[in-house]
Amino acid sequence: MQAKSKLRRWGNSFGVVLPKEIVEKEGLKEGEEVEISVRKASDIKQLFGKYPFKNLQLQKERMRKGWE
């Protein structure tokens, strides 16, 4: 499962709170060991302007063909 969560400070460390839905779906109990993959979430606004398109309509048509 994937979920987004914010880091929170706990003393000198950081922690992550798991959403209740995930805890229930996975049947997690307090004290159990879990495996977590960490990846910083990127803000799509940061990508604006980084990838110029000379012909945006042509790019959209090419992308649509990939879905057919």
PDB file of N, CA and C in Angstrom:
ATOM      1  N   MET A   1       0.836  -1.191   0.000  1.00  0.00           N
ATOM      2  CA  MET A   1       0.000   0.000   0.000  1.00  0.00           C
ATOM      3  C   MET A   1       0.871   1.240   0.000  1.00  0.00           C
ATOM      4  N   GLN A   2       0.323   2.286  -0.548  1.00  0.00           N
ATOM      5  CA  GLN A   2       1.016   3.564  -0.527  1.00  0.00           C
ATOM      6  C   GLN A   2       0.136   4.600   0.159  1.00  0.00           C
ATOM      7  N   ALA A   3       0.780   5.507   0.852  1.00  0.00           N
ATOM      8  CA  ALA A   3       0.064   6.602   1.504  1.00  0.00           C
ATOM      9  C   ALA A   3       1.027   7.766   1.663  1.00  0.00           C
ATOM     10  N   LYS A   4       0.478   8.943   1.789  1.00  0.00           N
ATOM     11  CA  LYS A   4       1.293  10.125   2.067  1.00  0.00           C
ATOM     12  C   LYS A   4       1.100  10.503   3.524  1.00  0.00           C
ATOM     13  N   SER A   5       2.182  10.942   4.131  1.00  0.00           N
ATOM     14  CA  SER A   5       2.134  11.356   5.525  1.00  0.00           C
ATOM     15  C   SER A   5       3.207  12.412   5.732  1.00  0.00           C
ATOM     16  N   LYS A   6       3.020  13.248   6.718  1.00  0.00           N
ATOM     17  CA  LYS A   6       4.017  14.275   7.035  1.00  0.00           C
ATOM     18  C   LYS A   6       4.896  13.797   8.172  1.00  0.00           C
ATOM     19  N   LEU A   7       6.188  14.162   8.084  1.00  0.00           N
ATOM     20  CA  LEU A   7       7.104  13.859   9.181  1.00  0.00           C
ATOM     21  C   LEU A   7       6.760  14.731  10.376  1.00  0.00           C
ATOM     22  N   ARG A   8       6.864  14.152  11.543  1.00  0.00           N
ATOM     23  CA  ARG A   8       6.623  14.891  12.785  1.00  0.00           C
ATOM     24  C   ARG A   8       7.793  14.664  13.719  1.00  0.00           C
ATOM     25  N   ARG A   9       8.150  15.703  14.430  1.00  0.00           N
ATOM     26  CA  ARG A   9       9.277  15.607  15.358  1.00  0.00           C
ATOM     27  C   ARG A   9       8.834  14.894  16.637  1.00  0.00           C
ATOM     28  N   TRP A  10       9.623  13.902  17.014  1.00  0.00           N
ATOM     29  CA  TRP A  10       9.440  13.197  18.279  1.00  0.00           C
ATOM     30  C   TRP A  10      10.781  13.236  18.984  1.00  0.00           C
ATOM     31  N   GLY A  11      10.949  14.188  19.898  1.00  0.00           N
ATOM     32  CA  GLY A  11      12.230  14.358  20.578  1.00  0.00           C
ATOM     33  C   GLY A  11      13.291  14.773  19.583  1.00  0.00           C
ATOM     34  N   ASN A  12      14.391  13.998  19.491  1.00  0.00           N
ATOM     35  CA  ASN A  12      15.459  14.291  18.539  1.00  0.00           C
ATOM     36  C   ASN A  12      15.277  13.550  17.220  1.00  0.00           C
ATOM     37  N   SER A  13      14.182  12.840  17.057  1.00  0.00           N
ATOM     38  CA  SER A  13      13.938  12.033  15.861  1.00  0.00           C
ATOM     39  C   SER A  13      12.722  12.546  15.114  1.00  0.00           C
ATOM     40  N   PHE A  14      12.429  11.897  14.017  1.00  0.00           N
ATOM     41  CA  PHE A  14      11.212  12.175  13.267  1.00  0.00           C
ATOM     42  C   PHE A  14      10.396  10.897  13.194  1.00  0.00           C
ATOM     43  N   GLY A  15       9.081  11.041  13.116  1.00  0.00           N
ATOM     44  CA  GLY A  15       8.204   9.882  13.009  1.00  0.00           C
ATOM     45  C   GLY A  15       7.140  10.117  11.965  1.00  0.00           C
ATOM     46  N   VAL A  16       6.502   9.038  11.565  1.00  0.00           N
ATOM     47  CA  VAL A  16       5.433   9.081  10.585  1.00  0.00           C
ATOM     48  C   VAL A  16       4.206   8.417  11.193  1.00  0.00           C
ATOM     49  N   VAL A  17       3.064   9.050  11.051  1.00  0.00           N
ATOM     50  CA  VAL A  17       1.813   8.480  11.535  1.00  0.00           C
ATOM     51  C   VAL A  17       1.138   7.775  10.364  1.00  0.00           C
ATOM     52  N   LEU A  18       0.795   6.512  10.545  1.00  0.00           N
ATOM     53  CA  LEU A  18       0.112   5.753   9.498  1.00  0.00           C
ATOM     54  C   LEU A  18      -1.388   6.003   9.572  1.00  0.00           C
ATOM     55  N   PRO A  19      -2.027   6.214   8.424  1.00  0.00           N
ATOM     56  CA  PRO A  19      -3.480   6.405   8.428  1.00  0.00           C
ATOM     57  C   PRO A  19      -4.205   5.164   8.968  1.00  0.00           C
ATOM     58  N   LYS A  20      -5.296   5.398   9.654  1.00  0.00           N
ATOM     59  CA  LYS A  20      -6.078   4.322  10.279  1.00  0.00           C
ATOM     60  C   LYS A  20      -6.494   3.267   9.255  1.00  0.00           C
ATOM     61  N   GLU A  21      -6.834   3.703   8.047  1.00  0.00           N
ATOM     62  CA  GLU A  21      -7.282   2.770   7.014  1.00  0.00           C
ATOM     63  C   GLU A  21      -6.203   1.734   6.687  1.00  0.00           C
ATOM     64  N   ILE A  22      -4.955   2.184   6.633  1.00  0.00           N
ATOM     65  CA  ILE A  22      -3.852   1.267   6.335  1.00  0.00           C
ATOM     66  C   ILE A  22      -3.632   0.307   7.492  1.00  0.00           C
ATOM     67  N   VAL A  23      -3.661   0.831   8.699  1.00  0.00           N
ATOM     68  CA  VAL A  23      -3.473  -0.008   9.886  1.00  0.00           C
ATOM     69  C   VAL A  23      -4.526  -1.109   9.920  1.00  0.00           C
ATOM     70  N   GLU A  24      -5.772  -0.747   9.666  1.00  0.00           N
ATOM     71  CA  GLU A  24      -6.849  -1.734   9.699  1.00  0.00           C
ATOM     72  C   GLU A  24      -6.745  -2.726   8.545  1.00  0.00           C
ATOM     73  N   LYS A  25      -6.480  -2.231   7.342  1.00  0.00           N
ATOM     74  CA  LYS A  25      -6.412  -3.106   6.175  1.00  0.00           C
ATOM     75  C   LYS A  25      -5.273  -4.115   6.295  1.00  0.00           C
ATOM     76  N   GLU A  26      -4.142  -3.678   6.819  1.00  0.00           N
ATOM     77  CA  GLU A  26      -2.987  -4.556   6.955  1.00  0.00           C
ATOM     78  C   GLU A  26      -3.011  -5.364   8.260  1.00  0.00           C
ATOM     79  N   GLY A  27      -3.955  -5.050   9.144  1.00  0.00           N
ATOM     80  CA  GLY A  27      -4.058  -5.773  10.412  1.00  0.00           C
ATOM     81  C   GLY A  27      -2.862  -5.527  11.318  1.00  0.00           C
ATOM     82  N   LEU A  28      -2.358  -4.301  11.317  1.00  0.00           N
ATOM     83  CA  LEU A  28      -1.178  -3.976  12.115  1.00  0.00           C
ATOM     84  C   LEU A  28      -1.526  -3.819  13.590  1.00  0.00           C
ATOM     85  N   LYS A  29      -0.592  -4.239  14.425  1.00  0.00           N
ATOM     86  CA  LYS A  29      -0.752  -4.112  15.878  1.00  0.00           C
ATOM     87  C   LYS A  29       0.428  -3.330  16.444  1.00  0.00           C
ATOM     88  N   GLU A  30       0.196  -2.664  17.553  1.00  0.00           N
ATOM     89  CA  GLU A  30       1.262  -1.904  18.204  1.00  0.00           C
ATOM     90  C   GLU A  30       2.443  -2.806  18.520  1.00  0.00           C
ATOM     91  N   GLY A  31       3.642  -2.318  18.213  1.00  0.00           N
ATOM     92  CA  GLY A  31       4.865  -3.068  18.496  1.00  0.00           C
ATOM     93  C   GLY A  31       5.325  -3.950  17.341  1.00  0.00           C
ATOM     94  N   GLU A  32       4.482  -4.137  16.329  1.00  0.00           N
ATOM     95  CA  GLU A  32       4.890  -4.942  15.186  1.00  0.00           C
ATOM     96  C   GLU A  32       5.904  -4.184  14.338  1.00  0.00           C
ATOM     97  N   GLU A  33       6.768  -4.930  13.678  1.00  0.00           N
ATOM     98  CA  GLU A  33       7.756  -4.336  12.797  1.00  0.00           C
ATOM     99  C   GLU A  33       7.157  -4.196  11.403  1.00  0.00           C
ATOM    100  N   VAL A  34       7.367  -3.034  10.777  1.00  0.00           N
ATOM    101  CA  VAL A  34       6.877  -2.790   9.423  1.00  0.00           C
ATOM    102  C   VAL A  34       8.036  -2.327   8.552  1.00  0.00           C
ATOM    103  N   GLU A  35       7.893  -2.480   7.257  1.00  0.00           N
ATOM    104  CA  GLU A  35       8.904  -2.031   6.310  1.00  0.00           C
ATOM    105  C   GLU A  35       8.367  -0.804   5.591  1.00  0.00           C
ATOM    106  N   ILE A  36       9.180   0.237   5.513  1.00  0.00           N
ATOM    107  CA  ILE A  36       8.744   1.500   4.915  1.00  0.00           C
ATOM    108  C   ILE A  36       9.749   1.915   3.846  1.00  0.00           C
ATOM    109  N   SER A  37       9.260   2.272   2.658  1.00  0.00           N
ATOM    110  CA  SER A  37      10.101   2.869   1.624  1.00  0.00           C
ATOM    111  C   SER A  37       9.921   4.376   1.711  1.00  0.00           C
ATOM    112  N   VAL A  38      11.024   5.109   1.677  1.00  0.00           N
ATOM    113  CA  VAL A  38      10.964   6.555   1.839  1.00  0.00           C
ATOM    114  C   VAL A  38      11.333   7.229   0.521  1.00  0.00           C
ATOM    115  N   ARG A  39      10.497   8.176   0.131  1.00  0.00           N
ATOM    116  CA  ARG A  39      10.735   8.965  -1.079  1.00  0.00           C
ATOM    117  C   ARG A  39      10.115  10.320  -0.836  1.00  0.00           C
ATOM    118  N   LYS A  40      10.879  11.367  -1.078  1.00  0.00           N
ATOM    119  CA  LYS A  40      10.359  12.710  -0.876  1.00  0.00           C
ATOM    120  C   LYS A  40       9.323  13.005  -1.951  1.00  0.00           C
ATOM    121  N   ALA A  41       8.150  13.441  -1.543  1.00  0.00           N
ATOM    122  CA  ALA A  41       7.088  13.789  -2.485  1.00  0.00           C
ATOM    123  C   ALA A  41       7.460  15.078  -3.190  1.00  0.00           C
ATOM    124  N   SER A  42       7.351  15.072  -4.506  1.00  0.00           N
ATOM    125  CA  SER A  42       7.683  16.279  -5.254  1.00  0.00           C
ATOM    126  C   SER A  42       6.420  17.071  -5.546  1.00  0.00           C
ATOM    127  N   ASP A  43       6.590  18.351  -5.589  1.00  0.00           N
ATOM    128  CA  ASP A  43       5.489  19.253  -5.888  1.00  0.00           C
ATOM    129  C   ASP A  43       5.499  19.520  -7.381  1.00  0.00           C
ATOM    130  N   ILE A  44       4.423  19.212  -8.065  1.00  0.00           N
ATOM    131  CA  ILE A  44       4.360  19.378  -9.516  1.00  0.00           C
ATOM    132  C   ILE A  44       4.595  20.820  -9.933  1.00  0.00           C
ATOM    133  N   LYS A  45       4.319  21.765  -9.050  1.00  0.00           N
ATOM    134  CA  LYS A  45       4.553  23.173  -9.362  1.00  0.00           C
ATOM    135  C   LYS A  45       6.032  23.455  -9.587  1.00  0.00           C
ATOM    136  N   GLN A  46       6.910  22.662  -8.959  1.00  0.00           N
ATOM    137  CA  GLN A  46       8.343  22.849  -9.127  1.00  0.00           C
ATOM    138  C   GLN A  46       8.797  22.478 -10.534  1.00  0.00           C
ATOM    139  N   LEU A  47       8.027  21.649 -11.238  1.00  0.00           N
ATOM    140  CA  LEU A  47       8.383  21.226 -12.587  1.00  0.00           C
ATOM    141  C   LEU A  47       7.964  22.227 -13.651  1.00  0.00           C
ATOM    142  N   PHE A  48       7.096  23.152 -13.311  1.00  0.00           N
ATOM    143  CA  PHE A  48       6.567  24.112 -14.277  1.00  0.00           C
ATOM    144  C   PHE A  48       7.699  24.910 -14.915  1.00  0.00           C
ATOM    145  N   GLY A  49       7.760  24.885 -16.243  1.00  0.00           N
ATOM    146  CA  GLY A  49       8.764  25.632 -16.975  1.00  0.00           C
ATOM    147  C   GLY A  49      10.087  24.918 -17.184  1.00  0.00           C
ATOM    148  N   LYS A  50      10.293  23.756 -16.572  1.00  0.00           N
ATOM    149  CA  LYS A  50      11.562  23.048 -16.717  1.00  0.00           C
ATOM    150  C   LYS A  50      11.649  22.294 -18.042  1.00  0.00           C
ATOM    151  N   TYR A  51      10.511  21.891 -18.589  1.00  0.00           N
ATOM    152  CA  TYR A  51      10.502  21.081 -19.796  1.00  0.00           C
ATOM    153  C   TYR A  51       9.729  21.813 -20.886  1.00  0.00           C
ATOM    154  N   PRO A  52      10.446  22.557 -21.722  1.00  0.00           N
ATOM    155  CA  PRO A  52       9.749  23.342 -22.746  1.00  0.00           C
ATOM    156  C   PRO A  52       9.182  22.462 -23.859  1.00  0.00           C
ATOM    157  N   PHE A  53       7.996  22.797 -24.327  1.00  0.00           N
ATOM    158  CA  PHE A  53       7.360  22.131 -25.450  1.00  0.00           C
ATOM    159  C   PHE A  53       7.208  23.158 -26.561  1.00  0.00           C
ATOM    160  N   LYS A  54       7.782  22.872 -27.704  1.00  0.00           N
ATOM    161  CA  LYS A  54       7.660  23.801 -28.825  1.00  0.00           C
ATOM    162  C   LYS A  54       6.279  23.711 -29.447  1.00  0.00           C
ATOM    163  N   ASN A  55       5.720  22.498 -29.497  1.00  0.00           N
ATOM    164  CA  ASN A  55       4.397  22.310 -30.062  1.00  0.00           C
ATOM    165  C   ASN A  55       3.602  21.444 -29.099  1.00  0.00           C
ATOM    166  N   LEU A  56       2.929  22.076 -28.181  1.00  0.00           N
ATOM    167  CA  LEU A  56       2.218  21.353 -27.136  1.00  0.00           C
ATOM    168  C   LEU A  56       1.130  20.457 -27.705  1.00  0.00           C
ATOM    169  N   GLN A  57       0.415  20.905 -28.715  1.00  0.00           N
ATOM    170  CA  GLN A  57      -0.647  20.094 -29.299  1.00  0.00           C
ATOM    171  C   GLN A  57      -0.079  18.799 -29.883  1.00  0.00           C
ATOM    172  N   LEU A  58       1.059  18.870 -30.561  1.00  0.00           N
ATOM    173  CA  LEU A  58       1.706  17.686 -31.118  1.00  0.00           C
ATOM    174  C   LEU A  58       2.098  16.716 -30.003  1.00  0.00           C
ATOM    175  N   GLN A  59       2.631  17.229 -28.903  1.00  0.00           N
ATOM    176  CA  GLN A  59       3.009  16.386 -27.768  1.00  0.00           C
ATOM    177  C   GLN A  59       1.785  15.683 -27.179  1.00  0.00           C
ATOM    178  N   LYS A  60       0.666  16.401 -27.055  1.00  0.00           N
ATOM    179  CA  LYS A  60      -0.557  15.797 -26.518  1.00  0.00           C
ATOM    180  C   LYS A  60      -1.056  14.687 -27.428  1.00  0.00           C
ATOM    181  N   GLU A  61      -1.003  14.892 -28.739  1.00  0.00           N
ATOM    182  CA  GLU A  61      -1.444  13.873 -29.683  1.00  0.00           C
ATOM    183  C   GLU A  61      -0.566  12.629 -29.594  1.00  0.00           C
ATOM    184  N   ARG A  62       0.744  12.808 -29.442  1.00  0.00           N
ATOM    185  CA  ARG A  62       1.659  11.667 -29.297  1.00  0.00           C
ATOM    186  C   ARG A  62       1.365  10.882 -28.020  1.00  0.00           C
ATOM    187  N   MET A  63       1.082  11.598 -26.945  1.00  0.00           N
ATOM    188  CA  MET A  63       0.770  10.915 -25.686  1.00  0.00           C
ATOM    189  C   MET A  63      -0.538  10.136 -25.786  1.00  0.00           C
ATOM    190  N   ARG A  64      -1.521  10.699 -26.443  1.00  0.00           N
ATOM    191  CA  ARG A  64      -2.798  10.011 -26.613  1.00  0.00           C
ATOM    192  C   ARG A  64      -2.641   8.709 -27.381  1.00  0.00           C
ATOM    193  N   LYS A  65      -1.762   8.680 -28.384  1.00  0.00           N
ATOM    194  CA  LYS A  65      -1.528   7.470 -29.175  1.00  0.00           C
ATOM    195  C   LYS A  65      -1.004   6.336 -28.296  1.00  0.00           C
ATOM    196  N   GLY A  66      -0.250   6.678 -27.280  1.00  0.00           N
ATOM    197  CA  GLY A  66       0.275   5.662 -26.365  1.00  0.00           C
ATOM    198  C   GLY A  66      -0.814   4.962 -25.568  1.00  0.00           C
ATOM    199  N   TRP A  67      -1.987   5.562 -25.428  1.00  0.00           N
ATOM    200  CA  TRP A  67      -3.086   4.974 -24.663  1.00  0.00           C
ATOM    201  C   TRP A  67      -3.975   4.083 -25.513  1.00  0.00           C
ATOM    202  N   GLU A  68      -3.815   4.169 -26.827  1.00  0.00           N
ATOM    203  CA  GLU A  68      -4.667   3.372 -27.715  1.00  0.00           C
ATOM    204  C   GLU A  68      -4.151   1.978 -27.904  1.00  0.00           C
TER     205      GLU A  68
END
